[in-house]
């Protein structure tokens, strides 16, 4: 519900000014390429230090809403990796392609009815990632997904 979110959505759809919604696509896109598209096609330049703001205050909410998928090319890639890419979720793409058409209202109702199912499905996929149990000298233990960050945390906790 703000300019940054609108521009992020347009970037994720690779939708340029004056292109119809039906021409929206779903490329894999990192945050820096999103920012580049915003600057090149919409005249909105974000400073490099706002990259995290876009990730935390827009992309993370899009993920929570199941509007986008993180790292569909490599689901085990950590979300905070510089190589992280996002992609519009398939049914959201189909919905957005109907915007400003006679199909929009019906498509929107159908999509909204499916959102909770999508959220559950993506949560289950995340739950399938392997976990490692990490313990420290205080007999505390936590379970974390296996990724590069976990390896670092495990080293810190165990030393």
N, C-alpha and C. Protein backbone atom coordinates (compact mmCIF):
# COMPACT_ATOMS: atom_id res chain seq x y z
N UNK A 1 0.82 -1.18 0.00
CA UNK A 1 0.00 0.00 0.00
C UNK A 1 0.87 1.25 0.00
N UNK A 2 2.04 1.14 -0.65
CA UNK A 2 2.92 2.29 -0.77
C UNK A 2 3.66 2.21 -2.11
N UNK A 3 4.31 3.27 -2.44
CA UNK A 3 5.01 3.34 -3.74
C UNK A 3 6.06 2.25 -3.87
N UNK A 4 6.84 2.02 -2.81
CA UNK A 4 7.90 1.00 -2.85
C UNK A 4 7.31 -0.38 -3.15
N UNK A 5 6.22 -0.72 -2.51
CA UNK A 5 5.59 -2.02 -2.74
C UNK A 5 5.04 -2.12 -4.16
N UNK A 6 4.42 -1.05 -4.64
CA UNK A 6 3.90 -1.05 -6.01
C UNK A 6 5.02 -1.23 -7.02
N UNK A 7 6.12 -0.50 -6.83
CA UNK A 7 7.25 -0.62 -7.76
C UNK A 7 7.91 -1.99 -7.67
N UNK A 8 7.97 -2.55 -6.48
CA UNK A 8 8.54 -3.90 -6.31
C UNK A 8 7.69 -4.91 -7.06
N UNK A 9 6.37 -4.79 -6.94
CA UNK A 9 5.48 -5.70 -7.66
C UNK A 9 5.67 -5.56 -9.18
N UNK A 10 5.71 -4.33 -9.67
CA UNK A 10 5.90 -4.12 -11.11
C UNK A 10 7.24 -4.69 -11.58
N UNK A 11 8.28 -4.53 -10.75
CA UNK A 11 9.59 -5.08 -11.11
C UNK A 11 9.53 -6.61 -11.15
N UNK A 12 8.89 -7.22 -10.16
CA UNK A 12 8.79 -8.68 -10.13
C UNK A 12 7.98 -9.23 -11.31
N UNK A 13 7.10 -8.41 -11.84
CA UNK A 13 6.32 -8.80 -13.02
C UNK A 13 7.03 -8.42 -14.33
N UNK A 14 8.17 -7.74 -14.19
CA UNK A 14 8.90 -7.22 -15.33
C UNK A 14 7.97 -6.41 -16.23
N UNK A 15 7.14 -5.61 -15.58
CA UNK A 15 6.13 -4.82 -16.27
C UNK A 15 6.58 -3.37 -16.36
N UNK A 16 6.76 -2.91 -17.58
CA UNK A 16 7.22 -1.55 -17.81
C UNK A 16 6.02 -0.62 -18.06
N UNK A 17 6.25 0.70 -17.93
CA UNK A 17 5.15 1.64 -18.16
C UNK A 17 4.49 1.42 -19.52
N UNK A 18 3.20 1.58 -19.54
CA UNK A 18 2.38 1.46 -20.76
C UNK A 18 2.26 0.04 -21.29
N UNK A 19 2.80 -0.94 -20.58
CA UNK A 19 2.58 -2.34 -20.98
C UNK A 19 1.30 -2.83 -20.30
N UNK A 20 0.49 -3.60 -21.00
CA UNK A 20 -0.73 -4.12 -20.37
C UNK A 20 -0.41 -5.19 -19.33
N UNK A 21 -1.26 -5.31 -18.35
CA UNK A 21 -1.07 -6.31 -17.30
C UNK A 21 -0.98 -7.72 -17.87
N UNK A 22 -1.66 -7.98 -18.96
CA UNK A 22 -1.63 -9.34 -19.53
C UNK A 22 -0.23 -9.73 -20.01
N UNK A 23 0.67 -8.76 -20.16
CA UNK A 23 2.03 -9.08 -20.60
C UNK A 23 2.99 -9.31 -19.43
N UNK A 24 2.46 -9.33 -18.21
CA UNK A 24 3.29 -9.59 -17.03
C UNK A 24 3.95 -10.95 -17.14
N UNK A 25 5.19 -11.04 -16.66
CA UNK A 25 5.94 -12.30 -16.66
C UNK A 25 6.41 -12.58 -15.23
N UNK A 26 7.15 -13.65 -15.07
CA UNK A 26 7.62 -14.01 -13.72
C UNK A 26 9.09 -14.39 -13.74
N UNK A 27 9.97 -13.44 -14.05
CA UNK A 27 11.40 -13.78 -14.04
C UNK A 27 11.90 -13.97 -12.61
N UNK A 28 12.98 -14.70 -12.48
CA UNK A 28 13.67 -14.77 -11.19
C UNK A 28 14.38 -13.44 -11.02
N UNK A 29 14.19 -12.79 -9.88
CA UNK A 29 14.75 -11.46 -9.74
C UNK A 29 15.24 -11.21 -8.32
N UNK A 30 16.46 -10.73 -8.21
CA UNK A 30 17.01 -10.31 -6.94
C UNK A 30 16.63 -8.87 -6.65
N UNK A 31 16.93 -8.40 -5.46
CA UNK A 31 16.52 -7.07 -5.07
C UNK A 31 17.25 -5.98 -5.85
N UNK A 32 18.54 -6.16 -6.09
CA UNK A 32 19.27 -5.14 -6.85
C UNK A 32 18.72 -5.01 -8.27
N UNK A 33 18.46 -6.11 -9.00
CA UNK A 33 17.83 -5.95 -10.32
C UNK A 33 16.44 -5.30 -10.24
N UNK A 34 15.70 -5.56 -9.16
CA UNK A 34 14.41 -4.89 -8.98
C UNK A 34 14.63 -3.39 -8.90
N UNK A 35 15.59 -2.99 -8.09
CA UNK A 35 15.90 -1.57 -7.92
C UNK A 35 16.36 -0.95 -9.23
N UNK A 36 17.14 -1.70 -10.02
CA UNK A 36 17.59 -1.21 -11.32
C UNK A 36 16.41 -0.97 -12.25
N UNK A 37 15.44 -1.90 -12.27
CA UNK A 37 14.27 -1.74 -13.12
C UNK A 37 13.44 -0.54 -12.67
N UNK A 38 13.30 -0.36 -11.37
CA UNK A 38 12.55 0.79 -10.85
C UNK A 38 13.17 2.10 -11.33
N UNK A 39 14.49 2.16 -11.27
CA UNK A 39 15.19 3.39 -11.69
C UNK A 39 15.09 3.59 -13.19
N UNK A 40 15.34 2.54 -13.95
CA UNK A 40 15.38 2.65 -15.40
C UNK A 40 14.01 2.96 -16.01
N UNK A 41 12.97 2.31 -15.53
CA UNK A 41 11.67 2.42 -16.18
C UNK A 41 10.66 3.31 -15.45
N UNK A 42 10.88 3.53 -14.14
CA UNK A 42 9.91 4.32 -13.38
C UNK A 42 10.52 5.59 -12.77
N UNK A 43 11.81 5.81 -13.01
CA UNK A 43 12.45 7.02 -12.54
C UNK A 43 12.58 7.11 -11.03
N UNK A 44 12.47 5.99 -10.35
CA UNK A 44 12.58 5.97 -8.89
C UNK A 44 13.90 5.31 -8.51
N UNK A 45 14.83 6.12 -8.04
CA UNK A 45 16.14 5.60 -7.66
C UNK A 45 16.22 5.46 -6.16
N UNK A 46 16.48 4.24 -5.72
CA UNK A 46 16.68 3.98 -4.31
C UNK A 46 18.18 3.86 -4.07
N UNK A 47 18.64 4.40 -2.98
CA UNK A 47 20.07 4.30 -2.65
C UNK A 47 20.39 2.85 -2.27
N UNK A 48 21.64 2.44 -2.52
CA UNK A 48 22.01 1.04 -2.23
C UNK A 48 21.70 0.61 -0.80
N UNK A 49 21.78 1.53 0.16
CA UNK A 49 21.52 1.13 1.56
C UNK A 49 20.03 0.89 1.84
N UNK A 50 19.16 1.12 0.86
CA UNK A 50 17.73 0.84 1.06
C UNK A 50 17.38 -0.58 0.60
N UNK A 51 18.36 -1.31 0.10
CA UNK A 51 18.14 -2.68 -0.35
C UNK A 51 17.49 -3.52 0.76
N UNK A 52 18.01 -3.41 1.97
CA UNK A 52 17.47 -4.16 3.10
C UNK A 52 16.05 -3.71 3.45
N UNK A 53 15.78 -2.43 3.30
CA UNK A 53 14.43 -1.93 3.56
C UNK A 53 13.44 -2.56 2.59
N UNK A 54 13.81 -2.63 1.32
CA UNK A 54 12.95 -3.27 0.32
C UNK A 54 12.74 -4.73 0.68
N UNK A 55 13.80 -5.41 1.07
CA UNK A 55 13.69 -6.83 1.42
C UNK A 55 12.80 -7.01 2.66
N UNK A 56 13.10 -6.28 3.73
CA UNK A 56 12.39 -6.49 5.00
C UNK A 56 10.97 -5.94 5.00
N UNK A 57 10.76 -4.79 4.36
CA UNK A 57 9.46 -4.14 4.48
C UNK A 57 8.54 -4.37 3.29
N UNK A 58 9.04 -5.01 2.25
CA UNK A 58 8.17 -5.31 1.11
C UNK A 58 8.27 -6.78 0.72
N UNK A 59 9.45 -7.23 0.36
CA UNK A 59 9.60 -8.60 -0.12
C UNK A 59 9.18 -9.61 0.95
N UNK A 60 9.57 -9.39 2.18
CA UNK A 60 9.18 -10.33 3.25
C UNK A 60 7.66 -10.41 3.41
N UNK A 61 6.97 -9.27 3.28
CA UNK A 61 5.51 -9.29 3.37
C UNK A 61 4.90 -10.00 2.16
N UNK A 62 5.48 -9.82 0.98
CA UNK A 62 5.01 -10.54 -0.20
C UNK A 62 5.18 -12.04 -0.01
N UNK A 63 6.29 -12.44 0.61
CA UNK A 63 6.50 -13.87 0.90
C UNK A 63 5.46 -14.38 1.89
N UNK A 64 5.24 -13.62 2.96
CA UNK A 64 4.25 -14.03 3.97
C UNK A 64 2.86 -14.18 3.38
N UNK A 65 2.55 -13.36 2.39
CA UNK A 65 1.23 -13.39 1.76
C UNK A 65 1.15 -14.43 0.65
N UNK A 66 2.24 -15.14 0.39
CA UNK A 66 2.32 -16.15 -0.69
C UNK A 66 2.11 -15.51 -2.06
N UNK A 67 2.43 -14.23 -2.17
CA UNK A 67 2.36 -13.54 -3.45
C UNK A 67 3.58 -13.86 -4.30
N UNK A 68 4.69 -14.12 -3.63
CA UNK A 68 5.93 -14.48 -4.32
C UNK A 68 6.54 -15.70 -3.67
N UNK A 69 7.50 -16.29 -4.36
CA UNK A 69 8.23 -17.45 -3.87
C UNK A 69 9.71 -17.08 -3.85
N UNK A 70 10.40 -17.43 -2.79
CA UNK A 70 11.83 -17.17 -2.69
C UNK A 70 12.61 -18.37 -3.19
N UNK A 71 13.60 -18.10 -3.99
CA UNK A 71 14.55 -19.11 -4.45
C UNK A 71 13.90 -20.37 -5.04
N UNK A 72 12.96 -20.22 -5.97
CA UNK A 72 12.36 -21.42 -6.54
C UNK A 72 13.38 -22.26 -7.32
N UNK A 73 14.47 -21.65 -7.71
CA UNK A 73 15.53 -22.37 -8.41
C UNK A 73 16.42 -23.16 -7.46
N UNK A 74 16.40 -22.80 -6.16
CA UNK A 74 17.22 -23.48 -5.16
C UNK A 74 16.62 -23.20 -3.78
N UNK A 75 15.57 -23.94 -3.40
CA UNK A 75 14.87 -23.67 -2.14
C UNK A 75 15.74 -23.75 -0.88
N UNK A 76 16.88 -24.41 -0.95
CA UNK A 76 17.73 -24.49 0.24
C UNK A 76 18.65 -23.28 0.38
N UNK A 77 18.65 -22.38 -0.59
CA UNK A 77 19.47 -21.16 -0.50
C UNK A 77 18.92 -20.29 0.63
N UNK A 78 19.77 -19.81 1.52
CA UNK A 78 19.30 -18.95 2.61
C UNK A 78 18.64 -17.68 2.06
N UNK A 79 17.59 -17.25 2.70
CA UNK A 79 16.83 -16.08 2.25
C UNK A 79 17.68 -14.82 2.32
N UNK A 80 18.68 -14.78 3.18
CA UNK A 80 19.51 -13.59 3.30
C UNK A 80 20.77 -13.66 2.44
N UNK A 81 20.85 -14.65 1.55
CA UNK A 81 21.98 -14.76 0.63
C UNK A 81 21.94 -13.65 -0.41
N UNK A 82 23.10 -13.19 -0.82
CA UNK A 82 23.16 -12.19 -1.89
C UNK A 82 22.64 -12.77 -3.21
N UNK A 83 22.60 -14.09 -3.32
CA UNK A 83 22.12 -14.76 -4.53
C UNK A 83 20.62 -15.03 -4.50
N UNK A 84 19.94 -14.63 -3.43
CA UNK A 84 18.50 -14.87 -3.32
C UNK A 84 17.75 -14.19 -4.45
N UNK A 85 16.81 -14.94 -5.02
CA UNK A 85 15.94 -14.41 -6.06
C UNK A 85 14.50 -14.71 -5.67
N UNK A 86 13.60 -13.90 -6.19
CA UNK A 86 12.18 -14.10 -5.93
C UNK A 86 11.46 -14.20 -7.27
N UNK A 87 10.27 -14.75 -7.21
CA UNK A 87 9.45 -14.91 -8.40
C UNK A 87 7.99 -14.83 -7.99
N UNK A 88 7.19 -14.18 -8.82
CA UNK A 88 5.76 -14.12 -8.56
C UNK A 88 5.21 -15.55 -8.54
N UNK A 89 4.39 -15.84 -7.56
CA UNK A 89 3.77 -17.15 -7.46
C UNK A 89 2.83 -17.32 -8.65
N UNK A 90 2.77 -18.52 -9.19
CA UNK A 90 2.07 -18.79 -10.45
C UNK A 90 0.60 -18.34 -10.46
N UNK A 91 -0.15 -18.66 -9.42
CA UNK A 91 -1.56 -18.26 -9.43
C UNK A 91 -1.72 -16.75 -9.25
N UNK A 92 -0.78 -16.12 -8.54
CA UNK A 92 -0.81 -14.65 -8.42
C UNK A 92 -0.52 -14.01 -9.78
N UNK A 93 0.39 -14.59 -10.53
CA UNK A 93 0.69 -14.08 -11.87
C UNK A 93 -0.55 -14.16 -12.76
N UNK A 94 -1.21 -15.31 -12.72
CA UNK A 94 -2.43 -15.47 -13.53
C UNK A 94 -3.49 -14.45 -13.12
N UNK A 95 -3.63 -14.21 -11.82
CA UNK A 95 -4.57 -13.20 -11.34
C UNK A 95 -4.21 -11.82 -11.88
N UNK A 96 -2.97 -11.40 -11.71
CA UNK A 96 -2.55 -10.06 -12.10
C UNK A 96 -2.65 -9.83 -13.60
N UNK A 97 -2.53 -10.87 -14.37
CA UNK A 97 -2.70 -10.74 -15.82
C UNK A 97 -4.14 -10.38 -16.20
N UNK A 98 -5.08 -10.59 -15.28
CA UNK A 98 -6.48 -10.27 -15.57
C UNK A 98 -6.87 -8.87 -15.08
N UNK A 99 -5.94 -8.16 -14.42
CA UNK A 99 -6.26 -6.83 -13.91
C UNK A 99 -6.71 -5.92 -15.05
N UNK A 100 -7.70 -5.10 -14.78
CA UNK A 100 -8.27 -4.16 -15.75
C UNK A 100 -8.97 -4.87 -16.92
N UNK A 101 -9.45 -6.09 -16.65
CA UNK A 101 -10.25 -6.81 -17.64
C UNK A 101 -11.57 -7.19 -17.01
N UNK A 102 -12.47 -7.73 -17.82
CA UNK A 102 -13.76 -8.19 -17.30
C UNK A 102 -13.61 -9.40 -16.39
N UNK A 103 -12.48 -10.09 -16.46
CA UNK A 103 -12.24 -11.30 -15.66
C UNK A 103 -11.73 -10.99 -14.25
N UNK A 104 -11.34 -9.75 -13.99
CA UNK A 104 -10.66 -9.40 -12.75
C UNK A 104 -11.44 -9.79 -11.50
N UNK A 105 -12.68 -9.39 -11.35
CA UNK A 105 -13.45 -9.66 -10.13
C UNK A 105 -13.55 -11.15 -9.84
N UNK A 106 -13.87 -11.93 -10.85
CA UNK A 106 -13.98 -13.38 -10.67
C UNK A 106 -12.62 -13.98 -10.31
N UNK A 107 -11.59 -13.56 -11.03
CA UNK A 107 -10.24 -14.06 -10.76
C UNK A 107 -9.78 -13.71 -9.36
N UNK A 108 -10.09 -12.50 -8.93
CA UNK A 108 -9.71 -12.06 -7.59
C UNK A 108 -10.38 -12.91 -6.52
N UNK A 109 -11.68 -13.15 -6.67
CA UNK A 109 -12.40 -14.00 -5.69
C UNK A 109 -11.78 -15.40 -5.63
N UNK A 110 -11.51 -15.96 -6.78
CA UNK A 110 -10.91 -17.30 -6.83
C UNK A 110 -9.54 -17.30 -6.16
N UNK A 111 -8.74 -16.30 -6.47
CA UNK A 111 -7.39 -16.22 -5.90
C UNK A 111 -7.45 -16.06 -4.38
N UNK A 112 -8.27 -15.14 -3.90
CA UNK A 112 -8.36 -14.90 -2.46
C UNK A 112 -8.82 -16.15 -1.71
N UNK A 113 -9.66 -16.93 -2.33
CA UNK A 113 -10.10 -18.18 -1.70
C UNK A 113 -8.97 -19.19 -1.60
N UNK A 114 -7.95 -19.06 -2.44
CA UNK A 114 -6.85 -20.03 -2.45
C UNK A 114 -5.63 -19.60 -1.65
N UNK A 115 -5.58 -18.36 -1.18
CA UNK A 115 -4.37 -17.83 -0.55
C UNK A 115 -3.96 -18.62 0.69
N UNK A 116 -4.88 -18.95 1.57
CA UNK A 116 -4.51 -19.70 2.78
C UNK A 116 -3.91 -21.05 2.42
N UNK A 117 -4.45 -21.70 1.41
CA UNK A 117 -3.91 -22.97 0.96
C UNK A 117 -2.48 -22.79 0.47
N UNK A 118 -2.23 -21.72 -0.28
CA UNK A 118 -0.87 -21.44 -0.76
C UNK A 118 0.08 -21.22 0.41
N UNK A 119 -0.34 -20.44 1.39
CA UNK A 119 0.52 -20.16 2.54
C UNK A 119 0.90 -21.47 3.24
N UNK A 120 -0.08 -22.34 3.43
CA UNK A 120 0.18 -23.62 4.09
C UNK A 120 1.13 -24.48 3.26
N UNK A 121 0.93 -24.52 1.94
CA UNK A 121 1.78 -25.33 1.07
C UNK A 121 3.23 -24.86 1.15
N UNK A 122 3.45 -23.56 1.07
CA UNK A 122 4.82 -23.05 1.11
C UNK A 122 5.44 -23.23 2.48
N UNK A 123 4.65 -23.14 3.53
CA UNK A 123 5.17 -23.39 4.88
C UNK A 123 5.60 -24.85 5.01
N UNK A 124 4.83 -25.77 4.43
CA UNK A 124 5.18 -27.18 4.48
C UNK A 124 6.47 -27.45 3.72
N UNK A 125 6.66 -26.77 2.59
CA UNK A 125 7.89 -26.95 1.82
C UNK A 125 9.09 -26.48 2.61
N UNK A 126 8.95 -25.39 3.35
CA UNK A 126 10.03 -24.89 4.20
C UNK A 126 10.30 -25.88 5.32
N UNK A 127 9.23 -26.48 5.86
CA UNK A 127 9.39 -27.45 6.94
C UNK A 127 10.15 -28.70 6.49
N UNK A 128 10.19 -28.97 5.20
CA UNK A 128 10.86 -30.16 4.69
C UNK A 128 12.38 -30.01 4.64
N UNK A 129 12.88 -28.77 4.78
CA UNK A 129 14.32 -28.57 4.77
C UNK A 129 14.91 -29.28 5.98
N UNK A 130 16.10 -29.87 5.81
CA UNK A 130 16.71 -30.57 6.95
C UNK A 130 17.07 -29.61 8.07
N UNK A 131 16.97 -30.08 9.30
CA UNK A 131 17.31 -29.28 10.47
C UNK A 131 18.49 -29.90 11.19
N UNK A 132 19.17 -29.07 11.95
CA UNK A 132 20.27 -29.55 12.78
C UNK A 132 19.97 -29.09 14.21
N UNK A 133 20.21 -29.95 15.17
CA UNK A 133 20.01 -29.62 16.57
C UNK A 133 21.31 -29.06 17.11
N UNK A 134 21.25 -27.87 17.66
CA UNK A 134 22.44 -27.20 18.18
C UNK A 134 22.28 -27.08 19.68
N UNK A 135 23.34 -27.52 20.42
CA UNK A 135 23.32 -27.45 21.88
C UNK A 135 24.51 -26.61 22.35
N UNK A 136 24.35 -26.00 23.51
CA UNK A 136 25.47 -25.28 24.10
C UNK A 136 25.77 -25.86 25.48
N UNK A 137 26.74 -25.28 26.17
CA UNK A 137 27.16 -25.79 27.48
C UNK A 137 26.09 -25.64 28.55
N UNK A 138 25.11 -24.82 28.32
CA UNK A 138 24.07 -24.59 29.31
C UNK A 138 22.90 -25.56 29.16
N UNK A 139 23.09 -26.58 28.36
CA UNK A 139 22.07 -27.60 28.08
C UNK A 139 20.89 -27.05 27.30
N UNK A 140 21.02 -25.87 26.73
CA UNK A 140 19.98 -25.33 25.86
C UNK A 140 20.18 -25.93 24.48
N UNK A 141 19.12 -26.08 23.75
CA UNK A 141 19.25 -26.56 22.38
C UNK A 141 18.20 -25.88 21.52
N UNK A 142 18.55 -25.70 20.27
CA UNK A 142 17.63 -25.12 19.30
C UNK A 142 17.76 -25.91 18.01
N UNK A 143 16.69 -25.93 17.25
CA UNK A 143 16.69 -26.60 15.96
C UNK A 143 16.70 -25.54 14.88
N UNK A 144 17.63 -25.66 13.93
CA UNK A 144 17.74 -24.69 12.84
C UNK A 144 17.83 -25.42 11.52
N UNK A 145 17.34 -24.75 10.47
CA UNK A 145 17.48 -25.34 9.14
C UNK A 145 18.94 -25.33 8.73
N UNK A 146 19.31 -26.28 7.89
CA UNK A 146 20.69 -26.41 7.45
C UNK A 146 20.95 -25.44 6.30
N UNK A 147 21.85 -24.52 6.53
CA UNK A 147 22.32 -23.62 5.49
C UNK A 147 23.63 -23.01 5.97
N UNK A 148 24.21 -22.13 5.20
CA UNK A 148 25.51 -21.55 5.56
C UNK A 148 25.43 -20.79 6.87
N UNK A 149 24.35 -20.07 7.11
CA UNK A 149 24.21 -19.31 8.34
C UNK A 149 24.15 -20.26 9.52
N UNK A 150 23.49 -21.39 9.39
CA UNK A 150 23.40 -22.36 10.46
C UNK A 150 24.78 -22.89 10.82
N UNK A 151 25.60 -23.14 9.82
CA UNK A 151 26.96 -23.63 10.09
C UNK A 151 27.72 -22.62 10.94
N UNK A 152 27.57 -21.36 10.63
CA UNK A 152 28.23 -20.31 11.40
C UNK A 152 27.67 -20.28 12.82
N UNK A 153 26.36 -20.30 12.97
CA UNK A 153 25.75 -20.27 14.30
C UNK A 153 26.16 -21.50 15.13
N UNK A 154 26.20 -22.66 14.47
CA UNK A 154 26.58 -23.88 15.17
C UNK A 154 28.01 -23.74 15.71
N UNK A 155 28.90 -23.17 14.91
CA UNK A 155 30.29 -22.97 15.34
C UNK A 155 30.33 -22.02 16.52
N UNK A 156 29.54 -20.94 16.47
CA UNK A 156 29.53 -19.98 17.57
C UNK A 156 28.97 -20.59 18.86
N UNK A 157 27.90 -21.36 18.72
CA UNK A 157 27.25 -21.94 19.90
C UNK A 157 28.11 -23.03 20.53
N UNK A 158 28.77 -23.82 19.71
CA UNK A 158 29.52 -24.95 20.21
C UNK A 158 30.92 -24.59 20.69
N UNK A 159 31.38 -23.38 20.43
CA UNK A 159 32.72 -23.01 20.88
C UNK A 159 32.68 -22.18 22.13
